[in-house]
Amino acid sequence: MGGVWTLGTGASASKGIQRIDSSGGYGGKITGAGVMGVGSPHIDDWTAWDGSCEFELTDGVFSVLKAKIVTSRDDPMSITFSSRTNNEQTFSGAYWNSINLTTSEASLVTGTVGFVAMDRTTYTYGTDTVRSAGLTGGLGLVPIPYWNTSIGSYKFIEWSIDFAQDVVKFFACNKAIGPQAPAYYGVGPVTATLTGSYIYGGEMDDSPGDLTVTIGAGSITLLKAEVQSSSDDVAQGNSLTPIKVVVNAYDVG
């Protein structure tokens, strides 16, 4: 992802064939015993390639995602994944529309990236086996555990951060033969939401200001943070009694 190997746990990008149907004709004529013509005249438009990737976070992947969120969110990146030996699917014009990072006790930090791709540029079917040697040997990929993270001065026992932005394709009619690639794309504003539970230290200020989220060797700061909801519930005697919060950020750095 973005030129960096990930500890991938899943990926999907289905081929969405866009049909333009005519309303000037219809099928249904019986042409023979047990044979029926069905459907309308149609033509195919540009294929949609939208998907998602799930992975365990490493320092390298986190640095790629932070750059895409903070400094270059409207720049495309390349995403490649493989589902069998020598299989390869590469989406070179991929723009993220959602990023989720989450962790909790006794877990690794995991991530999900939803993306909108302009096209799939490489496809190799491969063979019907699973690669036995793996792709990560010798790459020094080290997943980040929950205890190697922090959010401000609060003692979070679980947290999840969601980033989202709209990515819209715009098509133009240029009197060309065949389906045409998007002429433009538009990227909307980012929303950032932190959801989590922490213990000790009292209630979070309604406007805590800046919350620095440290993940492994890197960090990202939720700026202009505002609490949207907070609850200090009574739990059973064998449970912790954390404070649960939902925090929106209106800038990221």
C-alpha atoms as a PDB file:
ATOM      1  CA  MET A   1       0.000   0.000   0.000  1.00  0.00           C
ATOM      2  CA  GLY A   2       1.655   3.218  -1.153  1.00  0.00           C
ATOM      3  CA  GLY A   3       4.794   1.208  -1.870  1.00  0.00           C
ATOM      4  CA  VAL A   4       4.985  -0.301   1.637  1.00  0.00           C
ATOM      5  CA  TRP A   5       4.302  -3.945   2.511  1.00  0.00           C
ATOM      6  CA  THR A   6       1.475  -4.577   4.954  1.00  0.00           C
ATOM      7  CA  LEU A   7       0.566  -7.472   7.211  1.00  0.00           C
ATOM      8  CA  GLY A   8      -2.649  -7.943   5.296  1.00  0.00           C
ATOM      9  CA  THR A   9      -5.578  -9.876   6.747  1.00  0.00           C
ATOM     10  CA  GLY A  10      -8.068  -9.311   3.929  1.00  0.00           C
ATOM     11  CA  ALA A  11      -8.785  -7.307   0.796  1.00  0.00           C
ATOM     12  CA  SER A  12     -11.619  -6.914  -1.659  1.00  0.00           C
ATOM     13  CA  ALA A  13     -12.219  -4.860  -4.779  1.00  0.00           C
ATOM     14  CA  SER A  14     -15.099  -6.126  -6.858  1.00  0.00           C
ATOM     15  CA  LYS A  15     -15.486  -5.295 -10.521  1.00  0.00           C
ATOM     16  CA  GLY A  16     -18.590  -3.163 -10.899  1.00  0.00           C
ATOM     17  CA  ILE A  17     -19.768  -3.062 -14.526  1.00  0.00           C
ATOM     18  CA  GLN A  18     -21.841   0.075 -15.068  1.00  0.00           C
ATOM     19  CA  ARG A  19     -24.697  -0.537 -17.505  1.00  0.00           C
ATOM     20  CA  ILE A  20     -26.593   2.187 -19.326  1.00  0.00           C
ATOM     21  CA  ASP A  21     -29.990   0.722 -20.172  1.00  0.00           C
ATOM     22  CA  SER A  22     -32.263   1.947 -22.947  1.00  0.00           C
ATOM     23  CA  SER A  23     -35.907   2.683 -22.231  1.00  0.00           C
ATOM     24  CA  GLY A  24     -36.747   2.556 -25.931  1.00  0.00           C
ATOM     25  CA  GLY A  25     -37.005  -1.225 -26.186  1.00  0.00           C
ATOM     26  CA  TYR A  26     -37.665  -4.277 -24.104  1.00  0.00           C
ATOM     27  CA  GLY A  27     -37.350  -8.032 -24.332  1.00  0.00           C
ATOM     28  CA  GLY A  28     -39.590 -10.904 -23.391  1.00  0.00           C
ATOM     29  CA  LYS A  29     -40.478 -12.321 -26.792  1.00  0.00           C
ATOM     30  CA  ILE A  30     -40.806 -16.102 -26.843  1.00  0.00           C
ATOM     31  CA  THR A  31     -38.509 -17.325 -29.614  1.00  0.00           C
ATOM     32  CA  GLY A  32     -38.837 -21.064 -29.189  1.00  0.00           C
ATOM     33  CA  ALA A  33     -39.697 -23.865 -26.800  1.00  0.00           C
ATOM     34  CA  GLY A  34     -38.272 -22.860 -23.408  1.00  0.00           C
ATOM     35  CA  VAL A  35     -36.327 -19.913 -24.854  1.00  0.00           C
ATOM     36  CA  MET A  36     -37.129 -16.320 -23.978  1.00  0.00           C
ATOM     37  CA  GLY A  37     -35.408 -13.070 -24.856  1.00  0.00           C
ATOM     38  CA  VAL A  38     -35.068 -10.973 -21.697  1.00  0.00           C
ATOM     39  CA  GLY A  39     -33.688  -7.512 -21.020  1.00  0.00           C
ATOM     40  CA  SER A  40     -33.316  -4.101 -22.611  1.00  0.00           C
ATOM     41  CA  PRO A  41     -30.827  -2.761 -25.132  1.00  0.00           C
ATOM     42  CA  HIS A  42     -27.841  -1.459 -23.175  1.00  0.00           C
ATOM     43  CA  ILE A  43     -24.228  -0.361 -23.390  1.00  0.00           C
ATOM     44  CA  ASP A  44     -21.494  -0.651 -20.773  1.00  0.00           C
ATOM     45  CA  ASP A  45     -19.901   2.389 -19.159  1.00  0.00           C
ATOM     46  CA  TRP A  46     -16.574   2.803 -17.318  1.00  0.00           C
ATOM     47  CA  THR A  47     -15.989   0.007 -14.806  1.00  0.00           C
ATOM     48  CA  ALA A  48     -16.046   0.863 -11.092  1.00  0.00           C
ATOM     49  CA  TRP A  49     -13.230  -0.479  -8.915  1.00  0.00           C
ATOM     50  CA  ASP A  50     -13.992   0.295  -5.270  1.00  0.00           C
ATOM     51  CA  GLY A  51     -12.704  -1.832  -2.426  1.00  0.00           C
ATOM     52  CA  SER A  52     -11.132  -2.160   0.991  1.00  0.00           C
ATOM     53  CA  CYS A  53      -8.024  -3.579   2.659  1.00  0.00           C
ATOM     54  CA  GLU A  54      -7.668  -4.896   6.207  1.00  0.00           C
ATOM     55  CA  PHE A  55      -4.278  -5.220   7.908  1.00  0.00           C
ATOM     56  CA  GLU A  56      -2.256  -5.212  11.113  1.00  0.00           C
ATOM     57  CA  LEU A  57      -0.561  -1.866  11.553  1.00  0.00           C
ATOM     58  CA  THR A  58       3.210  -1.424  11.322  1.00  0.00           C
ATOM     59  CA  ASP A  59       5.301   1.750  11.549  1.00  0.00           C
ATOM     60  CA  GLY A  60       5.780   1.798   7.779  1.00  0.00           C
ATOM     61  CA  VAL A  61       2.093   1.567   6.941  1.00  0.00           C
ATOM     62  CA  PHE A  62       1.178   4.126   9.595  1.00  0.00           C
ATOM     63  CA  SER A  63       3.585   6.659   8.085  1.00  0.00           C
ATOM     64  CA  VAL A  64       1.950   6.154   4.675  1.00  0.00           C
ATOM     65  CA  LEU A  65      -1.553   6.607   6.091  1.00  0.00           C
ATOM     66  CA  LYS A  66      -0.612   9.689   8.118  1.00  0.00           C
ATOM     67  CA  ALA A  67       0.805  11.359   4.997  1.00  0.00           C
ATOM     68  CA  LYS A  68      -2.372  10.524   3.083  1.00  0.00           C
ATOM     69  CA  ILE A  69      -4.521  12.037   5.827  1.00  0.00           C
ATOM     70  CA  VAL A  70      -2.493  15.127   6.728  1.00  0.00           C
ATOM     71  CA  THR A  71      -0.589  16.300   3.649  1.00  0.00           C
ATOM     72  CA  SER A  72      -1.631  14.483   0.467  1.00  0.00           C
ATOM     73  CA  ARG A  73      -5.148  13.144   0.873  1.00  0.00           C
ATOM     74  CA  ASP A  74      -6.083  14.052  -2.713  1.00  0.00           C
ATOM     75  CA  ASP A  75      -3.077  12.262  -4.235  1.00  0.00           C
ATOM     76  CA  PRO A  76      -3.580   8.720  -5.550  1.00  0.00           C
ATOM     77  CA  MET A  77      -1.670   5.737  -4.241  1.00  0.00           C
ATOM     78  CA  SER A  78      -1.008   2.249  -5.515  1.00  0.00           C
ATOM     79  CA  ILE A  79      -2.635  -0.714  -3.764  1.00  0.00           C
ATOM     80  CA  THR A  80      -1.660  -4.291  -4.631  1.00  0.00           C
ATOM     81  CA  PHE A  81      -2.969  -7.516  -3.164  1.00  0.00           C
ATOM     82  CA  SER A  82      -2.760 -11.214  -3.892  1.00  0.00           C
ATOM     83  CA  SER A  83      -5.155 -14.045  -3.085  1.00  0.00           C
ATOM     84  CA  ARG A  84      -3.138 -17.006  -4.451  1.00  0.00           C
ATOM     85  CA  THR A  85       0.342 -17.850  -5.670  1.00  0.00           C
ATOM     86  CA  ASN A  86       1.495 -15.316  -8.308  1.00  0.00           C
ATOM     87  CA  ASN A  87      -1.907 -13.627  -8.314  1.00  0.00           C
ATOM     88  CA  GLU A  88      -1.655  -9.852  -8.499  1.00  0.00           C
ATOM     89  CA  GLN A  89      -4.212  -7.075  -8.624  1.00  0.00           C
ATOM     90  CA  THR A  90      -2.877  -3.528  -8.691  1.00  0.00           C
ATOM     91  CA  PHE A  91      -4.935  -0.351  -8.445  1.00  0.00           C
ATOM     92  CA  SER A  92      -2.577   2.529  -9.248  1.00  0.00           C
ATOM     93  CA  GLY A  93      -5.092   5.365  -9.061  1.00  0.00           C
ATOM     94  CA  ALA A  94      -6.625   4.673  -5.643  1.00  0.00           C
ATOM     95  CA  TYR A  95      -7.976   7.411  -3.362  1.00  0.00           C
ATOM     96  CA  TRP A  96      -8.957   6.566   0.202  1.00  0.00           C
ATOM     97  CA  ASN A  97     -12.491   7.366   1.358  1.00  0.00           C
ATOM     98  CA  SER A  98     -12.285   5.790   4.815  1.00  0.00           C
ATOM     99  CA  ILE A  99      -9.509   4.871   7.233  1.00  0.00           C
ATOM    100  CA  ASN A 100     -10.090   3.112  10.539  1.00  0.00           C
ATOM    101  CA  LEU A 101      -7.470   2.372  13.194  1.00  0.00           C
ATOM    102  CA  THR A 102      -8.475   0.432  16.289  1.00  0.00           C
ATOM    103  CA  THR A 103      -7.058  -1.529  19.209  1.00  0.00           C
ATOM    104  CA  SER A 104      -7.935  -2.921  22.622  1.00  0.00           C
ATOM    105  CA  GLU A 105      -6.403  -4.985  25.407  1.00  0.00           C
ATOM    106  CA  ALA A 106      -4.421  -8.047  24.294  1.00  0.00           C
ATOM    107  CA  SER A 107      -4.753  -7.025  20.627  1.00  0.00           C
ATOM    108  CA  LEU A 108      -2.664  -5.548  17.879  1.00  0.00           C
ATOM    109  CA  VAL A 109      -3.500  -2.232  16.267  1.00  0.00           C
ATOM    110  CA  THR A 110      -5.508  -3.090  13.167  1.00  0.00           C
ATOM    111  CA  GLY A 111      -6.524  -0.926  10.264  1.00  0.00           C
ATOM    112  CA  THR A 112      -8.983  -0.809   7.402  1.00  0.00           C
ATOM    113  CA  VAL A 113      -8.728   1.388   4.322  1.00  0.00           C
ATOM    114  CA  GLY A 114     -11.665   1.867   1.976  1.00  0.00           C
ATOM    115  CA  PHE A 115     -10.683   3.188  -1.438  1.00  0.00           C
ATOM    116  CA  VAL A 116     -12.074   4.393  -4.740  1.00  0.00           C
ATOM    117  CA  ALA A 117      -9.848   3.355  -7.652  1.00  0.00           C
ATOM    118  CA  MET A 118      -9.865   4.963 -11.076  1.00  0.00           C
ATOM    119  CA  ASP A 119      -8.885   1.678 -12.706  1.00  0.00           C
ATOM    120  CA  ARG A 120      -7.258  -1.689 -12.145  1.00  0.00           C
ATOM    121  CA  THR A 121      -3.958  -1.527 -13.979  1.00  0.00           C
ATOM    122  CA  THR A 122      -2.556  -5.029 -13.396  1.00  0.00           C
ATOM    123  CA  TYR A 123      -4.247  -8.406 -13.107  1.00  0.00           C
ATOM    124  CA  THR A 124      -2.610 -11.827 -13.085  1.00  0.00           C
ATOM    125  CA  TYR A 125      -4.725 -14.828 -12.117  1.00  0.00           C
ATOM    126  CA  GLY A 126      -1.869 -16.988 -10.850  1.00  0.00           C
ATOM    127  CA  THR A 127      -2.294 -20.622  -9.817  1.00  0.00           C
ATOM    128  CA  ASP A 128      -4.884 -22.293  -7.617  1.00  0.00           C
ATOM    129  CA  THR A 129      -2.598 -22.657  -4.609  1.00  0.00           C
ATOM    130  CA  VAL A 130      -1.597 -20.580  -1.613  1.00  0.00           C
ATOM    131  CA  ARG A 131       1.909 -19.172  -1.481  1.00  0.00           C
ATOM    132  CA  SER A 132       3.732 -21.261   1.145  1.00  0.00           C
ATOM    133  CA  ALA A 133       6.744 -19.001   1.663  1.00  0.00           C
ATOM    134  CA  GLY A 134       4.683 -15.878   2.189  1.00  0.00           C
ATOM    135  CA  LEU A 135       5.450 -12.356   1.050  1.00  0.00           C
ATOM    136  CA  THR A 136       6.797 -10.883   4.284  1.00  0.00           C
ATOM    137  CA  GLY A 137       9.912 -12.930   4.888  1.00  0.00           C
ATOM    138  CA  GLY A 138      12.941 -10.737   5.567  1.00  0.00           C
ATOM    139  CA  LEU A 139      10.974  -7.494   5.399  1.00  0.00           C
ATOM    140  CA  GLY A 140      11.203  -6.869   9.133  1.00  0.00           C
ATOM    141  CA  LEU A 141       7.499  -6.180   9.564  1.00  0.00           C
ATOM    142  CA  VAL A 142       6.659  -5.765  13.251  1.00  0.00           C
ATOM    143  CA  PRO A 143       2.991  -5.322  14.239  1.00  0.00           C
ATOM    144  CA  ILE A 144       2.163  -2.682  16.869  1.00  0.00           C
ATOM    145  CA  PRO A 145       0.489  -3.957  20.085  1.00  0.00           C
ATOM    146  CA  TYR A 146      -2.133  -1.961  21.988  1.00  0.00           C
ATOM    147  CA  TRP A 147       0.282  -1.193  24.839  1.00  0.00           C
ATOM    148  CA  ASN A 148       2.577   0.680  22.431  1.00  0.00           C
ATOM    149  CA  THR A 149      -0.090   3.341  21.852  1.00  0.00           C
ATOM    150  CA  SER A 150      -1.369   6.328  23.819  1.00  0.00           C
ATOM    151  CA  ILE A 151      -3.888   9.165  23.508  1.00  0.00           C
ATOM    152  CA  GLY A 152      -2.885  12.355  25.274  1.00  0.00           C
ATOM    153  CA  SER A 153      -2.513  11.793  29.017  1.00  0.00           C
ATOM    154  CA  TYR A 154      -5.577   9.550  29.267  1.00  0.00           C
ATOM    155  CA  LYS A 155      -5.311   5.854  30.087  1.00  0.00           C
ATOM    156  CA  PHE A 156      -7.368   4.397  27.234  1.00  0.00           C
ATOM    157  CA  ILE A 157      -8.080   0.680  27.424  1.00  0.00           C
ATOM    158  CA  GLU A 158      -9.648   0.606  23.959  1.00  0.00           C
ATOM    159  CA  TRP A 159      -9.955   3.119  21.159  1.00  0.00           C
ATOM    160  CA  SER A 160     -10.971   3.456  17.528  1.00  0.00           C
ATOM    161  CA  ILE A 161     -10.352   6.368  15.144  1.00  0.00           C
ATOM    162  CA  ASP A 162     -12.335   6.846  11.949  1.00  0.00           C
ATOM    163  CA  PHE A 163     -11.315   9.180   9.141  1.00  0.00           C
ATOM    164  CA  ALA A 164     -13.649   9.680   6.199  1.00  0.00           C
ATOM    165  CA  GLN A 165     -13.794  11.774   3.041  1.00  0.00           C
ATOM    166  CA  ASP A 166     -15.971  11.716  -0.050  1.00  0.00           C
ATOM    167  CA  VAL A 167     -14.303  10.834  -3.353  1.00  0.00           C
ATOM    168  CA  VAL A 168     -16.508  11.618  -6.344  1.00  0.00           C
ATOM    169  CA  LYS A 169     -15.798  10.749  -9.976  1.00  0.00           C
ATOM    170  CA  PHE A 170     -16.853  13.186 -12.698  1.00  0.00           C
ATOM    171  CA  PHE A 171     -17.236  11.945 -16.249  1.00  0.00           C
ATOM    172  CA  ALA A 172     -17.243  14.031 -19.431  1.00  0.00           C
ATOM    173  CA  CYS A 173     -18.523  13.318 -22.946  1.00  0.00           C
ATOM    174  CA  ASN A 174     -15.641  13.997 -25.323  1.00  0.00           C
ATOM    175  CA  LYS A 175     -16.978  12.372 -28.509  1.00  0.00           C
ATOM    176  CA  ALA A 176     -14.688   9.389 -28.085  1.00  0.00           C
ATOM    177  CA  ILE A 177     -15.233   5.746 -28.938  1.00  0.00           C
ATOM    178  CA  GLY A 178     -15.648   3.416 -25.991  1.00  0.00           C
ATOM    179  CA  PRO A 179     -16.113   4.030 -22.268  1.00  0.00           C
ATOM    180  CA  GLN A 180     -14.018   6.936 -21.020  1.00  0.00           C
ATOM    181  CA  ALA A 181     -12.104   7.285 -17.774  1.00  0.00           C
ATOM    182  CA  PRO A 182     -13.246   9.916 -15.269  1.00  0.00           C
ATOM    183  CA  ALA A 183     -12.271  13.382 -16.469  1.00  0.00           C
ATOM    184  CA  TYR A 184     -12.044  14.780 -12.959  1.00  0.00           C
ATOM    185  CA  TYR A 185     -12.428  13.668  -9.380  1.00  0.00           C
ATOM    186  CA  GLY A 186     -13.435  15.603  -6.308  1.00  0.00           C
ATOM    187  CA  VAL A 187     -12.341  15.067  -2.698  1.00  0.00           C
ATOM    188  CA  GLY A 188     -14.500  16.436   0.092  1.00  0.00           C
ATOM    189  CA  PRO A 189     -13.576  17.542   3.624  1.00  0.00           C
ATOM    190  CA  VAL A 190     -12.271  15.038   6.172  1.00  0.00           C
ATOM    191  CA  THR A 191     -14.178  13.975   9.265  1.00  0.00           C
ATOM    192  CA  ALA A 192     -12.253  12.493  12.197  1.00  0.00           C
ATOM    193  CA  THR A 193     -13.930  10.697  15.105  1.00  0.00           C
ATOM    194  CA  LEU A 194     -12.330   9.073  18.148  1.00  0.00           C
ATOM    195  CA  THR A 195     -14.356   6.508  20.079  1.00  0.00           C
ATOM    196  CA  GLY A 196     -12.961   4.828  23.165  1.00  0.00           C
ATOM    197  CA  SER A 197     -12.940   4.040  26.861  1.00  0.00           C
ATOM    198  CA  TYR A 198     -10.444   5.193  29.465  1.00  0.00           C
ATOM    199  CA  ILE A 199     -10.003   4.752  33.208  1.00  0.00           C
ATOM    200  CA  TYR A 200      -8.777   7.139  35.897  1.00  0.00           C
ATOM    201  CA  GLY A 201      -8.277  10.864  35.641  1.00  0.00           C
ATOM    202  CA  GLY A 202     -11.804  12.239  35.698  1.00  0.00           C
ATOM    203  CA  GLU A 203     -14.090  13.499  32.989  1.00  0.00           C
ATOM    204  CA  MET A 204     -12.605  14.798  29.766  1.00  0.00           C
ATOM    205  CA  ASP A 205     -13.080  18.502  29.065  1.00  0.00           C
ATOM    206  CA  ASP A 206     -15.795  19.256  26.538  1.00  0.00           C
ATOM    207  CA  SER A 207     -13.105  20.901  24.408  1.00  0.00           C
ATOM    208  CA  PRO A 208      -9.887  19.023  25.205  1.00  0.00           C
ATOM    209  CA  GLY A 209      -8.019  20.880  22.476  1.00  0.00           C
ATOM    210  CA  ASP A 210      -5.306  18.791  20.864  1.00  0.00           C
ATOM    211  CA  LEU A 211      -5.093  15.027  21.436  1.00  0.00           C
ATOM    212  CA  THR A 212      -1.887  13.394  20.250  1.00  0.00           C
ATOM    213  CA  VAL A 213      -2.365   9.749  19.319  1.00  0.00           C
ATOM    214  CA  THR A 214       0.957   7.897  19.531  1.00  0.00           C
ATOM    215  CA  ILE A 215       1.133   4.618  17.637  1.00  0.00           C
ATOM    216  CA  GLY A 216       4.439   2.802  17.741  1.00  0.00           C
ATOM    217  CA  ALA A 217       7.205   5.106  16.532  1.00  0.00           C
ATOM    218  CA  GLY A 218       4.799   7.626  14.993  1.00  0.00           C
ATOM    219  CA  SER A 219       1.953   9.881  16.015  1.00  0.00           C
ATOM    220  CA  ILE A 220      -0.949  11.877  14.625  1.00  0.00           C
ATOM    221  CA  THR A 221      -2.662  14.771  16.400  1.00  0.00           C
ATOM    222  CA  LEU A 222      -6.398  15.355  16.536  1.00  0.00           C
ATOM    223  CA  LEU A 223      -6.677  19.145  16.554  1.00  0.00           C
ATOM    224  CA  LYS A 224      -9.605  21.249  17.791  1.00  0.00           C
ATOM    225  CA  ALA A 225     -11.109  18.178  19.449  1.00  0.00           C
ATOM    226  CA  GLU A 226     -14.602  18.401  20.954  1.00  0.00           C
ATOM    227  CA  VAL A 227     -16.413  15.780  23.032  1.00  0.00           C
ATOM    228  CA  GLN A 228     -19.684  14.687  21.411  1.00  0.00           C
ATOM    229  CA  SER A 229     -20.786  12.270  24.146  1.00  0.00           C
ATOM    230  CA  SER A 230     -19.438  10.999  27.448  1.00  0.00           C
ATOM    231  CA  SER A 231     -20.746   8.409  29.910  1.00  0.00           C
ATOM    232  CA  ASP A 232     -19.516   7.074  33.245  1.00  0.00           C
ATOM    233  CA  ASP A 233     -21.766   4.031  33.653  1.00  0.00           C
ATOM    234  CA  VAL A 234     -22.205   1.734  36.637  1.00  0.00           C
ATOM    235  CA  ALA A 235     -20.910  -1.748  35.769  1.00  0.00           C
ATOM    236  CA  GLN A 236     -21.007  -5.131  37.484  1.00  0.00           C
ATOM    237  CA  GLY A 237     -18.624  -5.796  40.313  1.00  0.00           C
ATOM    238  CA  ASN A 238     -16.244  -7.888  38.222  1.00  0.00           C
ATOM    239  CA  SER A 239     -15.885  -5.219  35.520  1.00  0.00           C
ATOM    240  CA  LEU A 240     -13.908  -2.051  35.094  1.00  0.00           C
ATOM    241  CA  THR A 241     -15.874   1.177  35.192  1.00  0.00           C
ATOM    242  CA  PRO A 242     -14.351   3.185  32.352  1.00  0.00           C
ATOM    243  CA  ILE A 243     -15.524   6.496  30.968  1.00  0.00           C
ATOM    244  CA  LYS A 244     -16.726   6.126  27.391  1.00  0.00           C
ATOM    245  CA  VAL A 245     -16.275   9.050  25.011  1.00  0.00           C
ATOM    246  CA  VAL A 246     -16.907  10.037  21.417  1.00  0.00           C
ATOM    247  CA  VAL A 247     -14.712  12.908  20.257  1.00  0.00           C
ATOM    248  CA  ASN A 248     -14.794  14.765  16.955  1.00  0.00           C
ATOM    249  CA  ALA A 249     -11.708  16.554  15.640  1.00  0.00           C
ATOM    250  CA  TYR A 250     -11.926  19.491  13.259  1.00  0.00           C
ATOM    251  CA  ASP A 251      -8.329  19.436  12.086  1.00  0.00           C
ATOM    252  CA  VAL A 252      -5.558  16.866  11.899  1.00  0.00           C
ATOM    253  CA  GLY A 253      -1.816  17.368  12.158  1.00  0.00           C
END
